[in-house]
Every structure is written in C-alpha cells, then in structure tokens.
Protein backbone atom coordinates (compact mmCIF):
# COMPACT_ATOMS: atom_id res chain seq x y z
CA UNK A 1 3.45 -109.30 107.14
CA UNK A 2 6.77 -108.96 107.82
CA UNK A 3 7.90 -109.55 111.54
CA UNK A 4 9.60 -106.39 113.20
CA UNK A 5 13.43 -108.36 113.29
CA UNK A 6 12.80 -108.99 109.86
CA UNK A 7 14.48 -106.44 107.22
CA UNK A 8 15.68 -108.23 104.64
CA UNK A 9 15.86 -106.11 101.67
CA UNK A 10 15.07 -103.05 103.26
CA UNK A 11 16.99 -100.05 102.18
CA UNK A 12 19.36 -99.27 105.44
CA UNK A 13 21.98 -97.96 104.09
CA UNK A 14 25.34 -99.02 103.71
CA UNK A 15 26.75 -102.27 105.67
CA UNK A 16 30.14 -101.47 107.61
CA UNK A 17 32.20 -104.59 106.30
CA UNK A 18 35.58 -103.67 108.67
CA UNK A 19 36.74 -106.52 110.48
CA UNK A 20 36.54 -105.05 114.10
CA UNK A 21 37.32 -106.48 117.68
CA UNK A 22 34.94 -107.96 120.02
CA UNK A 23 34.93 -106.79 123.67
CA UNK A 24 35.26 -109.21 126.30
CA UNK A 25 31.46 -109.57 127.24
CA UNK A 26 30.67 -109.99 123.50
CA UNK A 27 33.58 -113.49 123.67
CA UNK A 28 31.66 -114.57 126.88
CA UNK A 29 28.18 -114.38 125.38
CA UNK A 30 29.33 -116.59 122.50
CA UNK A 31 31.18 -119.14 124.73
CA UNK A 32 28.74 -119.44 127.13
CA UNK A 33 26.28 -119.99 124.20
CA UNK A 34 28.36 -122.77 122.46
CA UNK A 35 28.35 -124.22 126.11
CA UNK A 36 25.12 -124.39 126.49
CA UNK A 37 24.37 -125.62 123.34
CA UNK A 38 26.14 -128.76 123.92
CA UNK A 39 24.90 -129.21 126.83
CA UNK A 40 21.69 -129.51 125.28
CA UNK A 41 20.27 -126.73 127.78
CA UNK A 42 19.42 -124.21 124.58
CA UNK A 43 19.07 -125.02 121.07
CA UNK A 44 19.40 -122.59 117.82
CA UNK A 45 15.88 -122.27 117.08
CA UNK A 46 15.34 -121.55 121.05
CA UNK A 47 17.62 -118.95 120.74
CA UNK A 48 16.35 -117.61 117.32
CA UNK A 49 12.61 -117.68 118.93
CA UNK A 50 13.73 -115.73 122.21
CA UNK A 51 15.30 -112.70 119.67
CA UNK A 52 12.30 -112.43 117.38
CA UNK A 53 9.43 -111.94 119.98
CA UNK A 54 11.68 -109.70 122.06
CA UNK A 55 9.44 -107.40 120.79
CA UNK A 56 9.88 -103.93 118.46
CA UNK A 57 11.34 -102.06 121.37
CA UNK A 58 13.64 -104.45 123.10
CA UNK A 59 14.75 -105.82 119.44
CA UNK A 60 15.14 -102.07 118.48
CA UNK A 61 17.51 -100.80 121.79
CA UNK A 62 19.52 -103.71 122.27
CA UNK A 63 22.70 -104.88 120.10
CA UNK A 64 23.22 -107.69 118.75
CA UNK A 65 24.98 -109.66 121.67
CA UNK A 66 22.53 -108.44 124.16
CA UNK A 67 19.56 -109.67 121.83
CA UNK A 68 21.78 -113.29 122.57
CA UNK A 69 22.11 -112.60 126.06
CA UNK A 70 18.45 -112.12 126.55
CA UNK A 71 17.18 -115.07 124.55
CA UNK A 72 19.60 -117.11 126.37
CA UNK A 73 18.43 -116.00 129.75
CA UNK A 74 15.06 -116.27 128.90
CA UNK A 75 15.51 -119.37 127.38
CA UNK A 76 17.37 -120.57 130.95
CA UNK A 77 14.37 -119.68 133.12
CA UNK A 78 12.04 -121.02 130.72
CA UNK A 79 14.25 -124.31 131.36
CA UNK A 80 14.26 -123.90 135.37
CA UNK A 81 18.06 -124.10 134.97
CA UNK A 82 18.30 -120.18 137.35
CA UNK A 83 15.71 -118.35 137.89
CA UNK A 84 14.57 -114.57 138.13
CA UNK A 85 15.60 -114.55 142.06
CA UNK A 86 18.64 -116.11 141.71
CA UNK A 87 19.20 -114.16 138.22
CA UNK A 88 18.68 -110.65 140.27
CA UNK A 89 20.67 -111.73 143.02
CA UNK A 90 23.53 -112.73 141.35
CA UNK A 91 23.89 -109.60 139.38
CA UNK A 92 23.51 -107.79 142.56
CA UNK A 93 26.67 -109.53 143.12
CA UNK A 94 28.55 -108.91 140.21
CA UNK A 95 27.97 -105.29 140.73
CA UNK A 96 28.97 -104.88 143.71
CA UNK A 97 32.50 -106.61 142.88
CA UNK A 98 32.47 -103.91 140.16
CA UNK A 99 32.32 -100.99 142.43
CA UNK A 100 34.80 -102.37 144.73
CA UNK A 101 37.32 -102.80 142.28
CA UNK A 102 39.91 -99.79 141.56
C-alpha cells in the first residue's frame, strides 16, 4: 500500500523545471535546518519522518518548505528544545512586530 506522500510514478502532469527565486523565509528554513543538523538537534531521518507523518490533509495543503518547518518544529518540541507554549509566545511577538511595521 502506498502512503499519501509516495507519489512516485503517479501521473501528476508536467514538472516545471524553470529556476525560481526562493522567498526569504524559504532560505531561512533551509539555513535553520542546516544549523540544527550541525548541532545534532535534528537528523535527516527525523525531518523525513515528520513530513511523512503530517497526515494527508496537511501534506496536501502545505508547500515544500512549510512541510519542512512543520517537521522541524515537531522535532524540536519532541526533543524538548522548545515548548509549544514558548513557540506560541514567540509567534505572537513576531506577529505583533509585523503589525507595527509600516
């Protein structure tokens, strides 16, 4: 049986192979993964497992780097590096700063 994330060989249409610029937040997610990996706070296997166990709805709804950040977040919470409460507070702070910016 095939998992919802296993789309290899399925007819999904043409692949856009054109180069594109990455958004700043995508670059930051990539850099965060590199840094956390170098510090031993997440492994490639953890990242993949987190992505593959998002659930079909979340997997379909989220984009590539959104899946990454969801998986990174889960790994950091599971390892006790950050709590969900702390994460919620930090996200609220960022949201407030964004609203204050012109």
